[in-house]
Amino acid sequence: MTLAAIKELVKKDEWAWNRRDVIKIALSCTHDTEWNIDGKQFLGRLEVINFLTTKWLKQFDYKLKKELLSCINNRISLEFEYEYRNEEMEWCKEAGLEQWTLNEAGLISKREIVTKASSSKAFNTSML
């Protein structure tokens, strides 16, 4: 893949996550995709869909930003950060690193995510 195609892939992935489009995210992966998120494993598109659906039932006003760090052959490294409101309506922020392995068709066969920073802002909007 060209650098321009990889940048477009990252942009489309960010767009799908910000719209919480679990189907688009799942279809950007191989049917037998492997995800490892902070030590938790999800295998296949169905597990990815279930994981994201459950995640976003607890996270509101989700906003994600991704930045391409490097790409070598079929490996892509990204940095991400996102904010959301939790079930108590407190703002939370997380950041970390992500690595993708792509198959020959440009689908994500493996996604590894390590969260390196997490915080919660003590601001409860229900008190306003």
N, C-alpha and C. Protein backbone atom coordinates (compact mmCIF):
# COMPACT_ATOMS: atom_id res chain seq x y z
N MET A 1 0.84 -1.19 0.00
CA MET A 1 0.00 0.00 0.00
C MET A 1 0.88 1.25 0.00
N THR A 2 0.38 2.28 -0.62
CA THR A 2 1.11 3.54 -0.64
C THR A 2 0.88 4.28 0.69
N LEU A 3 1.74 5.25 0.95
CA LEU A 3 1.58 6.07 2.15
C LEU A 3 0.24 6.80 2.13
N ALA A 4 -0.15 7.29 0.97
CA ALA A 4 -1.43 7.99 0.85
C ALA A 4 -2.60 7.06 1.17
N ALA A 5 -2.53 5.82 0.70
CA ALA A 5 -3.59 4.84 0.97
C ALA A 5 -3.65 4.50 2.46
N ILE A 6 -2.50 4.40 3.11
CA ILE A 6 -2.46 4.11 4.54
C ILE A 6 -3.03 5.27 5.34
N LYS A 7 -2.68 6.49 4.97
CA LYS A 7 -3.24 7.67 5.65
C LYS A 7 -4.75 7.71 5.50
N GLU A 8 -5.25 7.37 4.34
CA GLU A 8 -6.70 7.34 4.10
C GLU A 8 -7.36 6.24 4.94
N LEU A 9 -6.70 5.10 5.06
CA LEU A 9 -7.21 4.01 5.89
C LEU A 9 -7.33 4.44 7.36
N VAL A 10 -6.32 5.12 7.85
CA VAL A 10 -6.33 5.62 9.24
C VAL A 10 -7.46 6.63 9.42
N LYS A 11 -7.61 7.52 8.45
CA LYS A 11 -8.67 8.54 8.50
C LYS A 11 -10.06 7.89 8.53
N LYS A 12 -10.27 6.89 7.68
CA LYS A 12 -11.55 6.19 7.63
C LYS A 12 -11.82 5.44 8.95
N ASP A 13 -10.77 4.87 9.52
CA ASP A 13 -10.93 4.16 10.79
C ASP A 13 -11.32 5.14 11.89
N GLU A 14 -10.64 6.28 11.95
CA GLU A 14 -10.97 7.32 12.94
C GLU A 14 -12.43 7.77 12.76
N TRP A 15 -12.84 7.98 11.54
CA TRP A 15 -14.20 8.40 11.23
C TRP A 15 -15.21 7.36 11.74
N ALA A 16 -14.96 6.09 11.47
CA ALA A 16 -15.88 5.03 11.90
C ALA A 16 -15.96 4.94 13.43
N TRP A 17 -14.83 5.08 14.11
CA TRP A 17 -14.84 5.04 15.57
C TRP A 17 -15.60 6.24 16.14
N ASN A 18 -15.40 7.42 15.57
CA ASN A 18 -16.09 8.61 16.08
C ASN A 18 -17.59 8.54 15.85
N ARG A 19 -18.01 7.80 14.85
CA ARG A 19 -19.44 7.62 14.60
C ARG A 19 -19.97 6.35 15.26
N ARG A 20 -19.07 5.66 15.95
CA ARG A 20 -19.39 4.41 16.64
C ARG A 20 -20.08 3.42 15.70
N ASP A 21 -19.53 3.32 14.51
CA ASP A 21 -20.07 2.45 13.47
C ASP A 21 -19.40 1.08 13.55
N VAL A 22 -19.96 0.22 14.39
CA VAL A 22 -19.33 -1.08 14.64
C VAL A 22 -19.26 -1.94 13.38
N ILE A 23 -20.22 -1.80 12.49
CA ILE A 23 -20.22 -2.60 11.26
C ILE A 23 -19.06 -2.16 10.35
N LYS A 24 -18.88 -0.86 10.15
CA LYS A 24 -17.76 -0.37 9.32
C LYS A 24 -16.42 -0.79 9.92
N ILE A 25 -16.31 -0.69 11.25
CA ILE A 25 -15.07 -1.09 11.91
C ILE A 25 -14.81 -2.57 11.70
N ALA A 26 -15.83 -3.39 11.90
CA ALA A 26 -15.68 -4.84 11.74
C ALA A 26 -15.34 -5.21 10.29
N LEU A 27 -15.96 -4.53 9.33
CA LEU A 27 -15.71 -4.84 7.93
C LEU A 27 -14.35 -4.35 7.44
N SER A 28 -13.69 -3.49 8.22
CA SER A 28 -12.33 -3.07 7.88
C SER A 28 -11.30 -4.12 8.33
N CYS A 29 -11.81 -5.17 8.97
CA CYS A 29 -10.96 -6.25 9.49
C CYS A 29 -11.24 -7.55 8.74
N THR A 30 -10.30 -8.47 8.81
CA THR A 30 -10.52 -9.80 8.25
C THR A 30 -11.58 -10.51 9.09
N HIS A 31 -12.23 -11.52 8.52
CA HIS A 31 -13.28 -12.23 9.28
C HIS A 31 -12.72 -12.90 10.53
N ASP A 32 -11.44 -13.27 10.51
CA ASP A 32 -10.81 -13.93 11.66
C ASP A 32 -9.83 -13.00 12.39
N THR A 33 -10.11 -11.70 12.34
CA THR A 33 -9.22 -10.70 12.95
C THR A 33 -8.92 -11.03 14.41
N GLU A 34 -7.74 -10.66 14.85
CA GLU A 34 -7.33 -10.83 16.25
C GLU A 34 -7.11 -9.45 16.85
N TRP A 35 -7.81 -9.14 17.92
CA TRP A 35 -7.62 -7.88 18.64
C TRP A 35 -7.10 -8.20 20.03
N ASN A 36 -6.11 -7.43 20.45
CA ASN A 36 -5.58 -7.51 21.81
C ASN A 36 -5.61 -6.09 22.35
N ILE A 37 -6.49 -5.86 23.32
CA ILE A 37 -6.66 -4.52 23.89
C ILE A 37 -6.35 -4.59 25.38
N ASP A 38 -5.22 -4.02 25.76
CA ASP A 38 -4.78 -4.03 27.15
C ASP A 38 -4.85 -5.43 27.76
N GLY A 39 -4.42 -6.44 26.99
CA GLY A 39 -4.37 -7.81 27.48
C GLY A 39 -5.65 -8.62 27.28
N LYS A 40 -6.71 -8.00 26.81
CA LYS A 40 -7.96 -8.73 26.54
C LYS A 40 -8.01 -9.07 25.06
N GLN A 41 -8.37 -10.33 24.76
CA GLN A 41 -8.38 -10.78 23.37
C GLN A 41 -9.79 -10.90 22.82
N PHE A 42 -9.92 -10.51 21.56
CA PHE A 42 -11.18 -10.62 20.83
C PHE A 42 -10.84 -11.24 19.48
N LEU A 43 -11.51 -12.34 19.15
CA LEU A 43 -11.21 -13.07 17.92
C LEU A 43 -12.41 -13.06 16.99
N GLY A 44 -12.21 -12.53 15.80
CA GLY A 44 -13.25 -12.51 14.78
C GLY A 44 -14.13 -11.28 14.85
N ARG A 45 -14.80 -11.02 13.74
CA ARG A 45 -15.63 -9.82 13.63
C ARG A 45 -16.76 -9.79 14.66
N LEU A 46 -17.39 -10.91 14.93
CA LEU A 46 -18.50 -10.93 15.87
C LEU A 46 -18.07 -10.50 17.27
N GLU A 47 -16.93 -10.99 17.73
CA GLU A 47 -16.43 -10.57 19.05
C GLU A 47 -16.08 -9.09 19.05
N VAL A 48 -15.55 -8.57 17.95
CA VAL A 48 -15.24 -7.14 17.84
C VAL A 48 -16.53 -6.33 17.96
N ILE A 49 -17.55 -6.74 17.22
CA ILE A 49 -18.84 -6.03 17.28
C ILE A 49 -19.41 -6.07 18.69
N ASN A 50 -19.37 -7.21 19.34
CA ASN A 50 -19.89 -7.32 20.72
C ASN A 50 -19.09 -6.46 21.69
N PHE A 51 -17.77 -6.47 21.56
CA PHE A 51 -16.92 -5.66 22.42
C PHE A 51 -17.23 -4.17 22.26
N LEU A 52 -17.27 -3.68 21.02
CA LEU A 52 -17.51 -2.26 20.79
C LEU A 52 -18.92 -1.84 21.20
N THR A 53 -19.90 -2.68 20.95
CA THR A 53 -21.28 -2.37 21.35
C THR A 53 -21.37 -2.21 22.85
N THR A 54 -20.78 -3.13 23.59
CA THR A 54 -20.78 -3.07 25.05
C THR A 54 -20.01 -1.85 25.54
N LYS A 55 -18.85 -1.58 24.94
CA LYS A 55 -18.02 -0.43 25.31
C LYS A 55 -18.81 0.86 25.18
N TRP A 56 -19.50 1.03 24.06
CA TRP A 56 -20.17 2.29 23.78
C TRP A 56 -21.53 2.42 24.47
N LEU A 57 -21.99 1.38 25.12
CA LEU A 57 -23.18 1.51 25.97
C LEU A 57 -22.83 2.27 27.25
N LYS A 58 -21.52 2.33 27.57
CA LYS A 58 -21.04 2.96 28.80
C LYS A 58 -20.26 4.25 28.54
N GLN A 59 -20.05 4.59 27.28
CA GLN A 59 -19.26 5.77 26.93
C GLN A 59 -20.10 6.68 26.04
N PHE A 60 -20.26 7.92 26.47
CA PHE A 60 -21.10 8.88 25.75
C PHE A 60 -20.25 10.03 25.23
N ASP A 61 -20.72 10.68 24.19
CA ASP A 61 -20.02 11.85 23.59
C ASP A 61 -18.57 11.50 23.26
N TYR A 62 -18.40 10.34 22.66
CA TYR A 62 -17.11 9.78 22.32
C TYR A 62 -16.43 10.59 21.22
N LYS A 63 -15.16 10.96 21.43
CA LYS A 63 -14.38 11.71 20.44
C LYS A 63 -12.96 11.15 20.42
N LEU A 64 -12.53 10.68 19.25
CA LEU A 64 -11.25 10.02 19.08
C LEU A 64 -10.40 10.75 18.05
N LYS A 65 -9.08 10.78 18.31
CA LYS A 65 -8.12 11.30 17.33
C LYS A 65 -6.99 10.29 17.20
N LYS A 66 -6.64 9.97 15.95
CA LYS A 66 -5.54 9.03 15.68
C LYS A 66 -4.48 9.73 14.85
N GLU A 67 -3.23 9.34 15.09
CA GLU A 67 -2.12 9.89 14.32
C GLU A 67 -1.20 8.76 13.89
N LEU A 68 -0.91 8.72 12.61
CA LEU A 68 -0.01 7.72 12.06
C LEU A 68 1.41 8.01 12.53
N LEU A 69 2.06 7.01 13.11
CA LEU A 69 3.45 7.17 13.55
C LEU A 69 4.43 6.57 12.55
N SER A 70 4.12 5.36 12.07
CA SER A 70 5.01 4.72 11.11
C SER A 70 4.27 3.61 10.37
N CYS A 71 4.83 3.25 9.24
CA CYS A 71 4.32 2.08 8.51
C CYS A 71 5.49 1.42 7.79
N ILE A 72 5.61 0.14 8.02
CA ILE A 72 6.66 -0.65 7.39
C ILE A 72 6.00 -1.94 6.88
N ASN A 73 6.06 -2.12 5.57
CA ASN A 73 5.42 -3.26 4.93
C ASN A 73 3.94 -3.31 5.30
N ASN A 74 3.52 -4.33 5.99
CA ASN A 74 2.10 -4.46 6.35
C ASN A 74 1.82 -4.10 7.81
N ARG A 75 2.75 -3.45 8.47
CA ARG A 75 2.59 -3.05 9.88
C ARG A 75 2.43 -1.53 9.97
N ILE A 76 1.43 -1.12 10.73
CA ILE A 76 1.13 0.30 10.92
C ILE A 76 1.12 0.60 12.41
N SER A 77 1.78 1.67 12.81
CA SER A 77 1.78 2.11 14.20
C SER A 77 1.07 3.45 14.30
N LEU A 78 0.21 3.58 15.31
CA LEU A 78 -0.59 4.77 15.52
C LEU A 78 -0.51 5.20 16.97
N GLU A 79 -0.78 6.47 17.17
CA GLU A 79 -0.98 7.00 18.51
C GLU A 79 -2.43 7.49 18.54
N PHE A 80 -3.11 7.30 19.66
CA PHE A 80 -4.50 7.74 19.75
C PHE A 80 -4.76 8.40 21.09
N GLU A 81 -5.81 9.21 21.09
CA GLU A 81 -6.35 9.72 22.34
C GLU A 81 -7.84 9.96 22.12
N TYR A 82 -8.60 9.71 23.17
CA TYR A 82 -10.03 9.95 23.05
C TYR A 82 -10.62 10.37 24.39
N GLU A 83 -11.76 11.05 24.27
CA GLU A 83 -12.50 11.51 25.45
C GLU A 83 -13.93 11.00 25.34
N TYR A 84 -14.54 10.83 26.49
CA TYR A 84 -15.93 10.40 26.55
C TYR A 84 -16.47 10.71 27.94
N ARG A 85 -17.78 10.71 28.04
CA ARG A 85 -18.41 10.80 29.37
C ARG A 85 -18.78 9.39 29.81
N ASN A 86 -18.48 9.08 31.07
CA ASN A 86 -18.82 7.76 31.59
C ASN A 86 -20.27 7.74 32.10
N GLU A 87 -20.67 6.65 32.71
CA GLU A 87 -22.05 6.50 33.18
C GLU A 87 -22.42 7.50 34.27
N GLU A 88 -21.42 8.02 34.98
CA GLU A 88 -21.65 9.05 35.99
C GLU A 88 -21.61 10.45 35.39
N MET A 89 -21.47 10.50 34.05
CA MET A 89 -21.41 11.75 33.28
C MET A 89 -20.13 12.55 33.55
N GLU A 90 -19.10 11.90 34.02
CA GLU A 90 -17.79 12.53 34.20
C GLU A 90 -17.00 12.37 32.91
N TRP A 91 -16.24 13.39 32.56
CA TRP A 91 -15.40 13.31 31.38
C TRP A 91 -14.16 12.47 31.68
N CYS A 92 -13.84 11.57 30.78
CA CYS A 92 -12.67 10.72 30.90
C CYS A 92 -11.83 10.86 29.63
N LYS A 93 -10.54 10.67 29.79
CA LYS A 93 -9.62 10.78 28.66
C LYS A 93 -8.66 9.60 28.70
N GLU A 94 -8.41 9.01 27.55
CA GLU A 94 -7.47 7.90 27.46
C GLU A 94 -6.58 8.13 26.24
N ALA A 95 -5.38 7.60 26.32
CA ALA A 95 -4.44 7.70 25.21
C ALA A 95 -3.60 6.44 25.17
N GLY A 96 -3.04 6.17 24.02
CA GLY A 96 -2.22 4.98 23.92
C GLY A 96 -1.64 4.77 22.54
N LEU A 97 -1.14 3.58 22.34
CA LEU A 97 -0.52 3.19 21.08
C LEU A 97 -1.29 2.03 20.48
N GLU A 98 -1.26 1.97 19.17
CA GLU A 98 -2.00 0.94 18.45
C GLU A 98 -1.13 0.44 17.31
N GLN A 99 -1.15 -0.87 17.09
CA GLN A 99 -0.42 -1.45 15.96
C GLN A 99 -1.38 -2.33 15.17
N TRP A 100 -1.35 -2.16 13.86
CA TRP A 100 -2.15 -2.98 12.98
C TRP A 100 -1.23 -3.85 12.13
N THR A 101 -1.72 -5.03 11.81
CA THR A 101 -1.12 -5.86 10.78
C THR A 101 -2.18 -6.00 9.70
N LEU A 102 -1.83 -5.66 8.47
CA LEU A 102 -2.77 -5.72 7.36
C LEU A 102 -2.53 -6.96 6.51
N ASN A 103 -3.61 -7.49 5.94
CA ASN A 103 -3.44 -8.58 4.97
C ASN A 103 -3.20 -7.97 3.59
N GLU A 104 -3.07 -8.81 2.58
CA GLU A 104 -2.75 -8.31 1.24
C GLU A 104 -3.86 -7.46 0.63
N ALA A 105 -5.10 -7.58 1.14
CA ALA A 105 -6.22 -6.77 0.65
C ALA A 105 -6.36 -5.44 1.41
N GLY A 106 -5.49 -5.22 2.41
CA GLY A 106 -5.54 -3.98 3.19
C GLY A 106 -6.51 -4.04 4.36
N LEU A 107 -6.97 -5.24 4.72
CA LEU A 107 -7.84 -5.40 5.88
C LEU A 107 -7.00 -5.67 7.12
N ILE A 108 -7.48 -5.25 8.27
CA ILE A 108 -6.74 -5.42 9.52
C ILE A 108 -6.90 -6.86 10.00
N SER A 109 -5.80 -7.60 10.01
CA SER A 109 -5.84 -8.98 10.50
C SER A 109 -5.49 -9.05 11.99
N LYS A 110 -4.78 -8.02 12.45
CA LYS A 110 -4.42 -7.99 13.88
C LYS A 110 -4.36 -6.54 14.32
N ARG A 111 -4.96 -6.28 15.51
CA ARG A 111 -4.95 -4.94 16.10
C ARG A 111 -4.53 -5.10 17.55
N GLU A 112 -3.45 -4.43 17.91
CA GLU A 112 -2.96 -4.46 19.28
C GLU A 112 -3.01 -3.04 19.84
N ILE A 113 -3.69 -2.89 20.97
CA ILE A 113 -3.86 -1.57 21.58
C ILE A 113 -3.36 -1.62 23.01
N VAL A 114 -2.52 -0.66 23.36
CA VAL A 114 -2.03 -0.52 24.73
C VAL A 114 -2.35 0.90 25.18
N THR A 115 -3.18 1.00 26.22
CA THR A 115 -3.51 2.30 26.78
C THR A 115 -2.37 2.71 27.69
N LYS A 116 -1.83 3.91 27.46
CA LYS A 116 -0.69 4.35 28.26
C LYS A 116 -1.05 5.44 29.26
N ALA A 117 -2.23 6.05 29.08
CA ALA A 117 -2.63 7.12 30.00
C ALA A 117 -4.15 7.14 30.09
N SER A 118 -4.63 7.39 31.30
CA SER A 118 -6.07 7.46 31.53
C SER A 118 -6.33 8.45 32.64
N SER A 119 -7.37 9.25 32.47
CA SER A 119 -7.71 10.20 33.52
C SER A 119 -9.21 10.47 33.50
N SER A 120 -9.68 10.99 34.61
CA SER A 120 -11.09 11.36 34.72
C SER A 120 -11.15 12.77 35.26
N LYS A 121 -11.96 13.58 34.65
CA LYS A 121 -12.10 14.96 35.10
C LYS A 121 -13.25 15.01 36.11
N ALA A 122 -13.04 15.63 37.21
CA ALA A 122 -14.06 15.74 38.26
C ALA A 122 -15.05 16.86 37.90
N PHE A 123 -15.78 16.63 36.83
CA PHE A 123 -16.74 17.62 36.40
C PHE A 123 -18.01 16.87 36.01
N ASN A 124 -19.01 16.95 36.84
CA ASN A 124 -20.25 16.22 36.63
C ASN A 124 -21.28 17.19 36.08
N THR A 125 -21.67 17.01 34.80
CA THR A 125 -22.58 17.93 34.16
C THR A 125 -24.00 17.83 34.69
N SER A 126 -24.35 16.75 35.37
CA SER A 126 -25.71 16.63 35.91
C SER A 126 -25.93 17.56 37.10
N MET A 127 -24.84 18.15 37.63
CA MET A 127 -24.95 19.06 38.77
C MET A 127 -25.26 20.47 38.32
N LEU A 128 -25.20 20.76 37.02
CA LEU A 128 -25.43 22.11 36.50
C LEU A 128 -26.90 22.42 36.42
